[in-house]
Amino acid sequence: MDNISWSQVDLIREVFHYQSRFEGSTMVFKIDYPVTEDAGFPALVKDLALLAKTGFKVVIVPGVRENIDAVLKQHEIDTNGYVTGDSLINDMPVRITTSQTISYVEMAAFNVASKFMTFLSGSRVDAIIGNFVRARGLGVINGIDTEHTGAVDKIYADSLTRVLNLGMIPILPCIGWSPSGKPYNVSSDEIALAVSEVLGAVKLFIICAQDGQETKTLNIPETLEKRANGSLVRLTPQQAQAFISANSEPKQGEDEEIRRQYMRRFRLAFEASKAGVHRVHIVDGREGGSVLKELYSNLGVGTMIYTDEYDSVRGLHSRDLPDILRLMEPLMQRGVLIRRNPEQIQEKKGDFSVLEIDGSIRACGALHDFGEAQGEIAAVATDPMYTDLGLGRRIVGYLIEKARKSKMRRVFVLTTQSQDWFESLGFREASVDSLPEQKRKVYDRSRKSKVFALDI
């Protein structure tokens, strides 16, 4: 146990938290075809099998577009092109599937589905490839007969539920059938969306073969949270919609296919959130353990679009004391923060606020009222694993707004090592004499803290 760090212990806590929270729930995994060709694909399927074994209901919808292209090319068959229309999901072009090509499309689709079946069998998890999709033909669009190109008419939810309740994983290829048995080529995105909706999935995972760095060529509002590599962390549906609108047209010199595929996933995520899926995750399936990292940690590795409450700033509860002391302890040891014990914090509990992410405390801070319409912002600490997410800025911004609502006209901080950071927030150096009298009386001159203030 001595060899396990606190960060590892914290991760273990997160795993138990999410396992307990989502156990027994349904999760849909839409997996783009390039992921199935990656060397890490067997490990990905093994992780999905692990989820099924530990109590999750897993549904797999394989993407197959590139494999259809390859099969048609192999047999020297004309693809007959694509068609677009306002009624199509994601406004993406769909393949015109003729009576000559539908059998090859079925071949390509079931080959990919069988690949999932093979690796799931290796993990001793039962799976079934079934006719869970009733389809209807798209008909004639813009004067073009799409023939065997279809759309979801109905998902056989009862059949899927029976399979899931048996602990099996259903695999849904991109083929649907009409009531008379006519096969149709149906968008995998559309199937994933429809299945997520009818089964009441708590999560939809869109697993792709892009690492998010493509965002560097896109228009991203400064308010959105980004990682160091430029990938987005999380968005509300409203933010996702604005992001999609801001990138509806390609930029000069941009790879149009990469942009289109990237935005296709965001449109699917947005549509799923509108359909009632609380959390949609876009992750790079080539990264080892990406699904588990995204599912079992607050921080995650992908991009999440969420409709439920994910993070919030609130007042301190007594039960939070161990968590904020854990955040503050490294800073107290380094002398960045003055040392406080649980009794001192409890005494000033009303002054403290915490930033909570999915039930875990990740940042804290306090606002002390010293009269003369001035307040001190103190005890600001954040989880070091979340440094790139700007949690410190959020908690300080919350405390500034709290001071403003309390009719304070000025807030100040005392700092020995964080002056540059506070200056970046708009604070300016001030003299000790500018502090309210009540604070000047207890100012520790041996510590030689610098004073930084912000007029509000």
Protein backbone atom coordinates (compact mmCIF):
# COMPACT_ATOMS: atom_id res chain seq x y z
CA MET A 1 0.00 0.00 0.00
CA ASP A 2 2.94 2.34 0.71
CA ASN A 3 3.85 2.22 -3.00
CA ILE A 4 0.45 3.56 -4.09
CA SER A 5 0.39 7.36 -4.54
CA TRP A 6 -2.49 9.59 -3.50
CA SER A 7 -3.29 10.25 -7.16
CA GLN A 8 -3.69 6.51 -7.68
CA VAL A 9 -5.93 6.24 -4.63
CA ASP A 10 -8.01 9.12 -5.98
CA LEU A 11 -8.34 7.30 -9.30
CA ILE A 12 -9.49 4.15 -7.51
CA ARG A 13 -12.16 6.22 -5.76
CA GLU A 14 -13.33 7.56 -9.13
CA VAL A 15 -13.56 4.06 -10.57
CA PHE A 16 -15.75 2.86 -7.71
CA HIS A 17 -17.88 6.02 -7.96
CA TYR A 18 -18.63 5.58 -11.67
CA GLN A 19 -19.03 1.81 -11.44
CA SER A 20 -21.66 2.24 -8.74
CA ARG A 21 -23.35 5.11 -10.57
CA PHE A 22 -23.73 3.51 -14.01
CA GLU A 23 -23.82 -0.22 -13.28
CA GLY A 24 -26.77 -1.84 -15.03
CA SER A 25 -27.25 1.06 -17.44
CA THR A 26 -27.19 0.90 -21.22
CA MET A 27 -24.29 2.34 -23.23
CA VAL A 28 -24.13 2.47 -27.02
CA PHE A 29 -20.77 2.36 -28.80
CA LYS A 30 -20.67 3.69 -32.36
CA ILE A 31 -17.22 2.67 -33.63
CA ASP A 32 -15.84 4.13 -36.85
CA TYR A 33 -14.34 1.62 -39.27
CA PRO A 34 -10.70 2.88 -39.21
CA VAL A 35 -10.59 1.96 -35.51
CA THR A 36 -11.26 -1.68 -36.39
CA GLU A 37 -8.14 -1.68 -38.59
CA ASP A 38 -5.89 -0.28 -35.86
CA ALA A 39 -3.44 -2.50 -33.97
CA GLY A 40 -5.17 -1.58 -30.70
CA PHE A 41 -8.59 -2.82 -31.81
CA PRO A 42 -8.40 -6.20 -29.96
CA ALA A 43 -7.67 -4.33 -26.70
CA LEU A 44 -10.62 -2.00 -27.30
CA VAL A 45 -13.00 -4.94 -27.77
CA LYS A 46 -11.55 -6.55 -24.66
CA ASP A 47 -12.42 -3.39 -22.69
CA LEU A 48 -15.99 -3.48 -24.03
CA ALA A 49 -16.22 -7.11 -23.00
CA LEU A 50 -14.98 -6.15 -19.52
CA LEU A 51 -17.75 -3.57 -19.23
CA ALA A 52 -20.34 -6.19 -20.17
CA LYS A 53 -18.92 -8.60 -17.59
CA THR A 54 -19.07 -5.98 -14.82
CA GLY A 55 -22.72 -5.13 -15.19
CA PHE A 56 -23.06 -2.67 -18.07
CA LYS A 57 -25.42 -3.25 -20.99
CA VAL A 58 -23.27 -2.75 -24.08
CA VAL A 59 -24.58 -2.18 -27.62
CA ILE A 60 -22.16 -1.99 -30.57
CA VAL A 61 -22.89 -0.20 -33.84
CA PRO A 62 -19.93 -0.61 -36.24
CA GLY A 63 -19.18 1.99 -38.88
CA VAL A 64 -18.39 0.45 -42.25
CA ARG A 65 -18.15 3.20 -44.88
CA GLU A 66 -14.48 2.71 -45.72
CA ASN A 67 -14.88 -1.07 -45.87
CA ILE A 68 -17.76 -0.74 -48.33
CA ASP A 69 -15.52 1.47 -50.48
CA ALA A 70 -12.79 -1.18 -50.36
CA VAL A 71 -15.12 -4.08 -51.22
CA LEU A 72 -16.67 -2.24 -54.15
CA LYS A 73 -13.24 -1.26 -55.43
CA GLN A 74 -12.00 -4.84 -55.06
CA HIS A 75 -14.85 -6.07 -57.23
CA GLU A 76 -14.48 -3.15 -59.66
CA ILE A 77 -18.01 -1.94 -59.04
CA ASP A 78 -19.09 1.66 -59.54
CA THR A 79 -20.26 3.15 -56.23
CA ASN A 80 -22.92 5.22 -58.08
CA GLY A 81 -21.96 8.24 -55.99
CA TYR A 82 -23.62 10.00 -53.06
CA VAL A 83 -26.68 12.13 -52.53
CA THR A 84 -27.42 14.91 -50.04
CA GLY A 85 -30.69 16.17 -48.64
CA ASP A 86 -32.10 18.12 -45.71
CA SER A 87 -33.85 15.01 -44.37
CA LEU A 88 -30.60 13.10 -43.92
CA ILE A 89 -28.96 12.76 -40.52
CA ASN A 90 -26.11 15.19 -39.96
CA ASP A 91 -26.72 16.64 -43.45
CA MET A 92 -24.03 14.20 -44.56
CA PRO A 93 -23.98 12.70 -48.06
CA VAL A 94 -25.25 9.11 -48.18
CA ARG A 95 -24.25 6.39 -50.59
CA ILE A 96 -26.63 5.56 -53.42
CA THR A 97 -27.02 1.81 -53.00
CA THR A 98 -28.37 0.08 -56.11
CA SER A 99 -29.73 -3.40 -56.59
CA GLN A 100 -26.31 -4.31 -58.03
CA THR A 101 -24.35 -3.06 -55.01
CA ILE A 102 -26.57 -3.93 -52.03
CA SER A 103 -25.21 -7.49 -51.78
CA TYR A 104 -21.66 -6.15 -51.59
CA VAL A 105 -22.71 -3.60 -48.98
CA GLU A 106 -24.20 -6.43 -46.92
CA MET A 107 -21.00 -8.41 -47.31
CA ALA A 108 -18.86 -5.52 -46.10
CA ALA A 109 -21.20 -4.74 -43.19
CA PHE A 110 -21.43 -8.30 -41.88
CA ASN A 111 -17.69 -8.86 -42.27
CA VAL A 112 -17.04 -5.99 -39.88
CA ALA A 113 -19.75 -7.17 -37.47
CA SER A 114 -18.22 -10.65 -37.51
CA LYS A 115 -14.85 -9.18 -36.61
CA PHE A 116 -16.38 -7.80 -33.41
CA MET A 117 -18.00 -11.16 -32.75
CA THR A 118 -14.65 -12.95 -33.10
CA PHE A 119 -12.82 -10.78 -30.58
CA LEU A 120 -15.73 -10.77 -28.14
CA SER A 121 -15.73 -14.57 -28.25
CA GLY A 122 -12.05 -14.47 -27.36
CA SER A 123 -13.02 -12.56 -24.20
CA ARG A 124 -15.73 -15.16 -23.44
CA VAL A 125 -18.59 -12.72 -23.90
CA ASP A 126 -21.64 -13.82 -25.87
CA ALA A 127 -22.70 -11.53 -28.71
CA ILE A 128 -25.34 -11.63 -31.42
CA ILE A 129 -25.63 -10.00 -34.83
CA GLY A 130 -29.34 -9.51 -35.31
CA ASN A 131 -32.00 -7.90 -37.46
CA PHE A 132 -32.91 -5.28 -34.89
CA VAL A 133 -33.55 -2.50 -37.43
CA ARG A 134 -36.68 -2.10 -39.55
CA ALA A 135 -35.89 0.23 -42.44
CA ARG A 136 -37.71 2.20 -45.10
CA GLY A 137 -36.31 3.43 -48.39
CA LEU A 138 -35.23 7.04 -48.75
CA GLY A 139 -36.82 7.02 -52.19
CA VAL A 140 -36.07 9.76 -54.70
CA ILE A 141 -33.98 12.68 -53.44
CA ASN A 142 -33.29 15.67 -55.66
CA GLY A 143 -34.38 13.63 -58.66
CA ILE A 144 -32.09 10.68 -57.82
CA ASP A 145 -33.50 7.23 -56.99
CA THR A 146 -31.55 5.99 -53.97
CA GLU A 147 -32.94 2.44 -54.44
CA HIS A 148 -31.53 0.36 -51.52
CA THR A 149 -30.45 3.35 -49.42
CA GLY A 150 -32.68 3.55 -46.38
CA ALA A 151 -33.44 5.14 -43.04
CA VAL A 152 -34.43 3.77 -39.66
CA ASP A 153 -38.16 3.10 -39.49
CA LYS A 154 -38.16 1.26 -36.16
CA ILE A 155 -35.73 -0.27 -33.67
CA TYR A 156 -36.96 -3.56 -32.21
CA ALA A 157 -36.36 -2.45 -28.64
CA ASP A 158 -38.01 -5.49 -27.02
CA SER A 159 -35.70 -7.89 -28.84
CA LEU A 160 -32.64 -5.81 -27.95
CA THR A 161 -33.70 -5.63 -24.30
CA ARG A 162 -34.08 -9.41 -24.08
CA VAL A 163 -30.59 -9.88 -25.50
CA LEU A 164 -29.11 -7.31 -23.10
CA ASN A 165 -30.86 -8.85 -20.09
CA LEU A 166 -29.18 -12.16 -20.95
CA GLY A 167 -25.81 -10.45 -20.58
CA MET A 168 -25.12 -10.58 -24.31
CA ILE A 169 -23.82 -7.80 -26.57
CA PRO A 170 -25.98 -7.02 -29.62
CA ILE A 171 -24.08 -5.90 -32.74
CA LEU A 172 -26.04 -3.84 -35.26
CA PRO A 173 -24.55 -3.68 -38.78
CA CYS A 174 -25.61 -0.88 -41.12
CA ILE A 175 -28.36 -2.98 -42.70
CA GLY A 176 -32.09 -2.70 -42.05
CA TRP A 177 -34.97 -4.59 -43.58
CA SER A 178 -38.42 -3.55 -44.69
CA PRO A 179 -41.43 -5.55 -43.38
CA SER A 180 -41.34 -7.49 -46.67
CA GLY A 181 -37.64 -8.35 -46.18
CA LYS A 182 -36.06 -5.87 -48.57
CA PRO A 183 -32.56 -4.91 -47.37
CA TYR A 184 -31.48 -1.29 -47.06
CA ASN A 185 -28.13 0.37 -46.44
CA VAL A 186 -28.72 2.57 -43.39
CA SER A 187 -26.36 5.12 -41.85
CA SER A 188 -24.57 3.69 -38.81
CA ASP A 189 -24.83 7.11 -37.18
CA GLU A 190 -28.59 7.05 -37.60
CA ILE A 191 -28.82 3.54 -36.14
CA ALA A 192 -26.67 4.54 -33.14
CA LEU A 193 -28.84 7.60 -32.53
CA ALA A 194 -32.11 5.66 -32.81
CA VAL A 195 -30.89 2.81 -30.56
CA SER A 196 -29.64 5.26 -27.93
CA GLU A 197 -33.01 6.97 -27.87
CA VAL A 198 -35.31 3.93 -27.72
CA LEU A 199 -33.20 2.11 -25.11
CA GLY A 200 -32.79 5.21 -22.93
CA ALA A 201 -28.99 4.90 -23.08
CA VAL A 202 -27.21 6.95 -20.43
CA LYS A 203 -24.16 7.26 -22.67
CA LEU A 204 -23.30 7.18 -26.34
CA PHE A 205 -19.64 6.69 -27.18
CA ILE A 206 -18.50 7.84 -30.62
CA ILE A 207 -15.18 6.06 -31.07
CA CYS A 208 -13.08 7.42 -33.90
CA ALA A 209 -9.55 7.47 -35.29
CA GLN A 210 -8.82 11.15 -34.77
CA ASP A 211 -7.06 12.54 -31.71
CA GLY A 212 -8.76 15.93 -31.50
CA GLN A 213 -5.79 17.96 -32.72
CA GLU A 214 -7.83 18.75 -35.83
CA THR A 215 -9.51 21.41 -33.70
CA LYS A 216 -6.45 23.60 -34.24
CA THR A 217 -7.82 24.49 -37.68
CA LEU A 218 -11.36 25.13 -36.43
CA ASN A 219 -13.08 28.16 -34.92
CA ILE A 220 -13.20 27.50 -31.18
CA PRO A 221 -14.63 30.08 -28.75
CA GLU A 222 -12.24 31.04 -25.97
CA THR A 223 -14.87 30.06 -23.39
CA LEU A 224 -14.61 26.35 -24.29
CA GLU A 225 -12.28 24.19 -22.22
CA LYS A 226 -9.35 22.78 -24.19
CA ARG A 227 -6.44 20.49 -23.43
CA ALA A 228 -2.85 21.34 -24.23
CA ASN A 229 -3.14 19.51 -27.58
CA GLY A 230 -6.12 21.64 -28.59
CA SER A 231 -8.80 18.99 -28.06
CA LEU A 232 -12.07 20.03 -26.46
CA VAL A 233 -12.90 18.71 -22.99
CA ARG A 234 -16.63 19.17 -22.54
CA LEU A 235 -19.52 21.20 -23.91
CA THR A 236 -23.19 21.73 -23.22
CA PRO A 237 -25.55 21.08 -26.15
CA GLN A 238 -25.86 24.85 -26.61
CA GLN A 239 -22.09 25.22 -26.85
CA ALA A 240 -21.91 22.25 -29.24
CA GLN A 241 -24.54 23.81 -31.48
CA ALA A 242 -22.65 27.12 -31.56
CA PHE A 243 -19.42 25.26 -32.31
CA ILE A 244 -21.06 23.42 -35.20
CA SER A 245 -22.50 26.63 -36.63
CA ALA A 246 -19.12 28.38 -36.38
CA ASN A 247 -17.51 25.61 -38.44
CA SER A 248 -20.19 24.92 -41.02
CA GLU A 249 -17.97 26.12 -43.85
CA PRO A 250 -14.41 24.95 -44.61
CA LYS A 251 -11.42 27.25 -44.22
CA GLN A 252 -8.95 27.87 -47.00
CA GLY A 253 -6.21 25.23 -46.99
CA GLU A 254 -8.17 22.98 -44.63
CA ASP A 255 -8.55 19.27 -45.30
CA GLU A 256 -12.26 19.19 -46.12
CA GLU A 257 -12.72 15.46 -45.47
CA ILE A 258 -11.13 15.65 -42.01
CA ARG A 259 -13.27 18.67 -41.11
CA ARG A 260 -16.43 17.01 -42.40
CA GLN A 261 -15.85 13.81 -40.45
CA TYR A 262 -14.97 15.75 -37.32
CA MET A 263 -18.13 17.84 -37.55
CA ARG A 264 -20.20 14.74 -38.40
CA ARG A 265 -19.36 13.33 -35.00
CA PHE A 266 -20.27 16.59 -33.27
CA ARG A 267 -23.60 16.69 -35.09
CA LEU A 268 -24.33 13.13 -34.02
CA ALA A 269 -23.42 14.01 -30.43
CA PHE A 270 -25.65 17.09 -30.55
CA GLU A 271 -28.60 15.14 -31.98
CA ALA A 272 -28.14 12.46 -29.33
CA SER A 273 -28.18 15.04 -26.53
CA LYS A 274 -31.42 16.45 -27.96
CA ALA A 275 -32.83 12.91 -28.02
CA GLY A 276 -32.27 12.53 -24.28
CA VAL A 277 -28.81 10.95 -23.99
CA HIS A 278 -27.32 12.70 -20.94
CA ARG A 279 -23.69 12.22 -21.93
CA VAL A 280 -22.09 11.68 -25.32
CA HIS A 281 -18.36 10.98 -25.47
CA ILE A 282 -16.12 11.36 -28.53
CA VAL A 283 -12.88 9.44 -27.99
CA ASP A 284 -9.91 8.29 -30.02
CA GLY A 285 -10.23 4.51 -30.13
CA ARG A 286 -6.56 4.07 -31.04
CA GLU A 287 -5.43 5.28 -27.61
CA GLY A 288 -4.99 2.37 -25.24
CA GLY A 289 -7.77 2.16 -22.66
CA SER A 290 -9.47 5.33 -23.96
CA VAL A 291 -12.99 4.08 -23.21
CA LEU A 292 -12.11 3.11 -19.64
CA LYS A 293 -10.24 6.39 -19.05
CA GLU A 294 -13.19 8.38 -20.34
CA LEU A 295 -15.77 6.37 -18.41
CA TYR A 296 -14.04 5.99 -15.07
CA SER A 297 -12.44 9.38 -14.48
CA ASN A 298 -13.66 12.96 -14.03
CA LEU A 299 -10.97 14.27 -16.33
CA GLY A 300 -11.40 11.80 -19.18
CA VAL A 301 -9.43 11.75 -22.42
CA GLY A 302 -12.09 12.67 -24.98
CA THR A 303 -14.76 15.29 -25.58
CA MET A 304 -18.04 15.10 -23.69
CA ILE A 305 -21.35 16.75 -24.56
CA TYR A 306 -23.51 16.65 -21.45
CA THR A 307 -27.05 17.66 -20.53
CA ASP A 308 -27.06 16.69 -16.85
CA GLU A 309 -25.29 18.57 -14.07
CA TYR A 310 -21.61 17.83 -14.38
CA ASP A 311 -19.85 20.52 -12.40
CA SER A 312 -20.88 23.26 -10.03
CA VAL A 313 -19.51 25.69 -7.47
CA ARG A 314 -21.26 25.60 -4.10
CA GLY A 315 -20.78 26.30 -0.43
CA LEU A 316 -18.68 24.04 1.78
CA HIS A 317 -20.34 21.16 3.61
CA SER A 318 -18.77 19.65 6.70
CA ARG A 319 -18.36 16.36 4.85
CA ASP A 320 -16.09 18.17 2.35
CA LEU A 321 -13.37 18.92 4.94
CA PRO A 322 -11.17 15.89 4.14
CA ASP A 323 -11.34 16.71 0.43
CA ILE A 324 -10.31 20.35 0.67
CA LEU A 325 -7.57 19.54 3.17
CA ARG A 326 -6.27 17.02 0.64
CA LEU A 327 -6.19 19.76 -2.01
CA MET A 328 -4.58 22.30 0.30
CA GLU A 329 -1.97 20.07 1.98
CA PRO A 330 0.68 20.14 -0.82
CA LEU A 331 0.37 23.93 -1.01
CA MET A 332 0.58 24.28 2.76
CA GLN A 333 3.71 22.13 2.80
CA ARG A 334 5.34 24.39 0.20
CA GLY A 335 4.34 27.54 2.05
CA VAL A 336 2.06 28.74 -0.74
CA LEU A 337 -0.89 28.62 1.68
CA ILE A 338 -0.84 29.22 5.40
CA ARG A 339 -1.55 26.10 7.43
CA ARG A 340 -5.14 25.57 8.49
CA ASN A 341 -6.57 22.71 10.55
CA PRO A 342 -10.07 21.24 10.27
CA GLU A 343 -11.31 23.22 13.28
CA GLN A 344 -10.22 26.53 11.74
CA ILE A 345 -11.91 25.73 8.46
CA GLN A 346 -15.07 24.53 10.23
CA GLU A 347 -15.20 27.78 12.18
CA LYS A 348 -15.17 29.77 8.90
CA LYS A 349 -17.19 27.21 6.92
CA GLY A 350 -19.54 29.85 5.55
CA ASP A 351 -16.62 31.63 3.88
CA PHE A 352 -15.51 28.61 1.86
CA SER A 353 -16.69 27.45 -1.56
CA VAL A 354 -15.83 24.31 -3.51
CA LEU A 355 -15.91 23.35 -7.17
CA GLU A 356 -17.38 19.89 -7.56
CA ILE A 357 -17.04 17.73 -10.68
CA ASP A 358 -19.32 14.71 -10.80
CA GLY A 359 -19.40 14.40 -7.04
CA SER A 360 -15.67 14.97 -6.48
CA ILE A 361 -14.15 18.17 -5.03
CA ARG A 362 -11.51 19.52 -7.44
CA ALA A 363 -11.00 23.12 -6.27
CA CYS A 364 -11.70 25.32 -3.28
CA GLY A 365 -11.34 28.88 -2.05
CA ALA A 366 -12.61 31.27 0.61
CA LEU A 367 -13.87 34.84 0.82
CA HIS A 368 -13.35 36.49 4.22
CA ASP A 369 -15.20 39.75 4.99
CA PHE A 370 -12.90 42.22 6.79
CA GLY A 371 -15.24 45.19 6.70
CA GLU A 372 -14.71 48.51 4.95
CA ALA A 373 -16.36 46.90 1.88
CA GLN A 374 -13.28 44.71 1.38
CA GLY A 375 -12.91 40.95 1.25
CA GLU A 376 -9.92 38.63 1.20
CA ILE A 377 -9.78 35.76 -1.27
CA ALA A 378 -7.80 32.98 0.37
CA ALA A 379 -7.15 29.23 0.51
CA VAL A 380 -7.38 28.84 -3.28
CA ALA A 381 -6.34 25.29 -4.22
CA THR A 382 -7.01 23.02 -7.19
CA ASP A 383 -6.42 19.39 -8.02
CA PRO A 384 -3.08 19.33 -9.91
CA MET A 385 -4.49 16.77 -12.36
CA TYR A 386 -6.95 19.45 -13.51
CA THR A 387 -4.47 22.29 -13.98
CA ASP A 388 -5.24 22.74 -17.68
CA LEU A 389 -8.99 23.19 -17.11
CA GLY A 390 -8.79 26.60 -15.45
CA LEU A 391 -10.53 25.55 -12.23
CA GLY A 392 -8.56 28.11 -10.21
CA ARG A 393 -9.86 30.90 -12.43
CA ARG A 394 -13.38 29.61 -12.03
CA ILE A 395 -13.28 29.46 -8.25
CA VAL A 396 -11.71 32.93 -7.99
CA GLY A 397 -14.27 34.29 -10.45
CA TYR A 398 -17.04 32.80 -8.33
CA LEU A 399 -15.62 34.40 -5.18
CA ILE A 400 -15.32 37.78 -6.91
CA GLU A 401 -18.97 37.59 -7.94
CA LYS A 402 -19.89 36.55 -4.40
CA ALA A 403 -18.06 39.62 -3.09
CA ARG A 404 -19.86 41.84 -5.58
CA LYS A 405 -23.24 40.49 -4.49
CA SER A 406 -22.23 41.17 -0.86
CA LYS A 407 -21.74 44.85 -1.78
CA MET A 408 -17.97 44.70 -1.44
CA ARG A 409 -16.06 47.18 -3.59
CA ARG A 410 -12.63 45.57 -3.41
CA VAL A 411 -11.11 42.12 -2.99
CA PHE A 412 -7.49 41.39 -2.13
CA VAL A 413 -5.15 38.44 -1.79
CA LEU A 414 -1.97 37.86 0.17
CA THR A 415 0.53 35.77 -1.76
CA THR A 416 4.17 34.75 -1.60
CA GLN A 417 4.48 32.70 -4.79
CA SER A 418 1.43 33.27 -7.02
CA GLN A 419 1.64 36.95 -7.92
CA ASP A 420 1.96 36.36 -11.69
CA TRP A 421 -1.17 34.22 -11.70
CA PHE A 422 -3.23 36.79 -9.80
CA GLU A 423 -1.94 39.55 -12.08
CA SER A 424 -3.24 37.53 -15.04
CA LEU A 425 -6.68 37.71 -13.39
CA GLY A 426 -6.54 41.51 -13.18
CA PHE A 427 -5.20 41.96 -9.64
CA ARG A 428 -2.63 44.73 -9.09
CA GLU A 429 -0.01 45.07 -6.36
CA ALA A 430 -1.05 47.21 -3.41
CA SER A 431 0.44 48.25 -0.09
CA VAL A 432 -0.17 46.65 3.27
CA ASP A 433 -1.52 50.01 4.43
CA SER A 434 -4.37 49.67 1.92
CA LEU A 435 -5.73 46.64 3.78
CA PRO A 436 -8.73 47.13 6.05
CA GLU A 437 -7.75 47.80 9.66
CA GLN A 438 -9.07 44.45 10.88
CA LYS A 439 -6.74 42.65 8.46
CA ARG A 440 -3.74 44.88 9.13
CA LYS A 441 -3.89 43.92 12.82
CA VAL A 442 -3.39 40.22 12.00
CA TYR A 443 -1.02 40.64 9.03
CA ASP A 444 2.03 38.39 9.53
CA ARG A 445 5.00 40.61 8.63
CA SER A 446 7.48 37.74 9.04
CA ARG A 447 5.82 35.92 6.12
CA LYS A 448 6.29 39.02 3.91
CA SER A 449 3.27 38.24 1.77
CA LYS A 450 2.63 40.62 -1.10
CA VAL A 451 -0.76 42.29 -1.39
CA PHE A 452 -2.67 42.23 -4.67
CA ALA A 453 -6.07 43.86 -5.00
CA LEU A 454 -8.91 44.14 -7.51
CA ASP A 455 -11.55 46.86 -7.52
CA ILE A 456 -15.00 45.48 -8.25
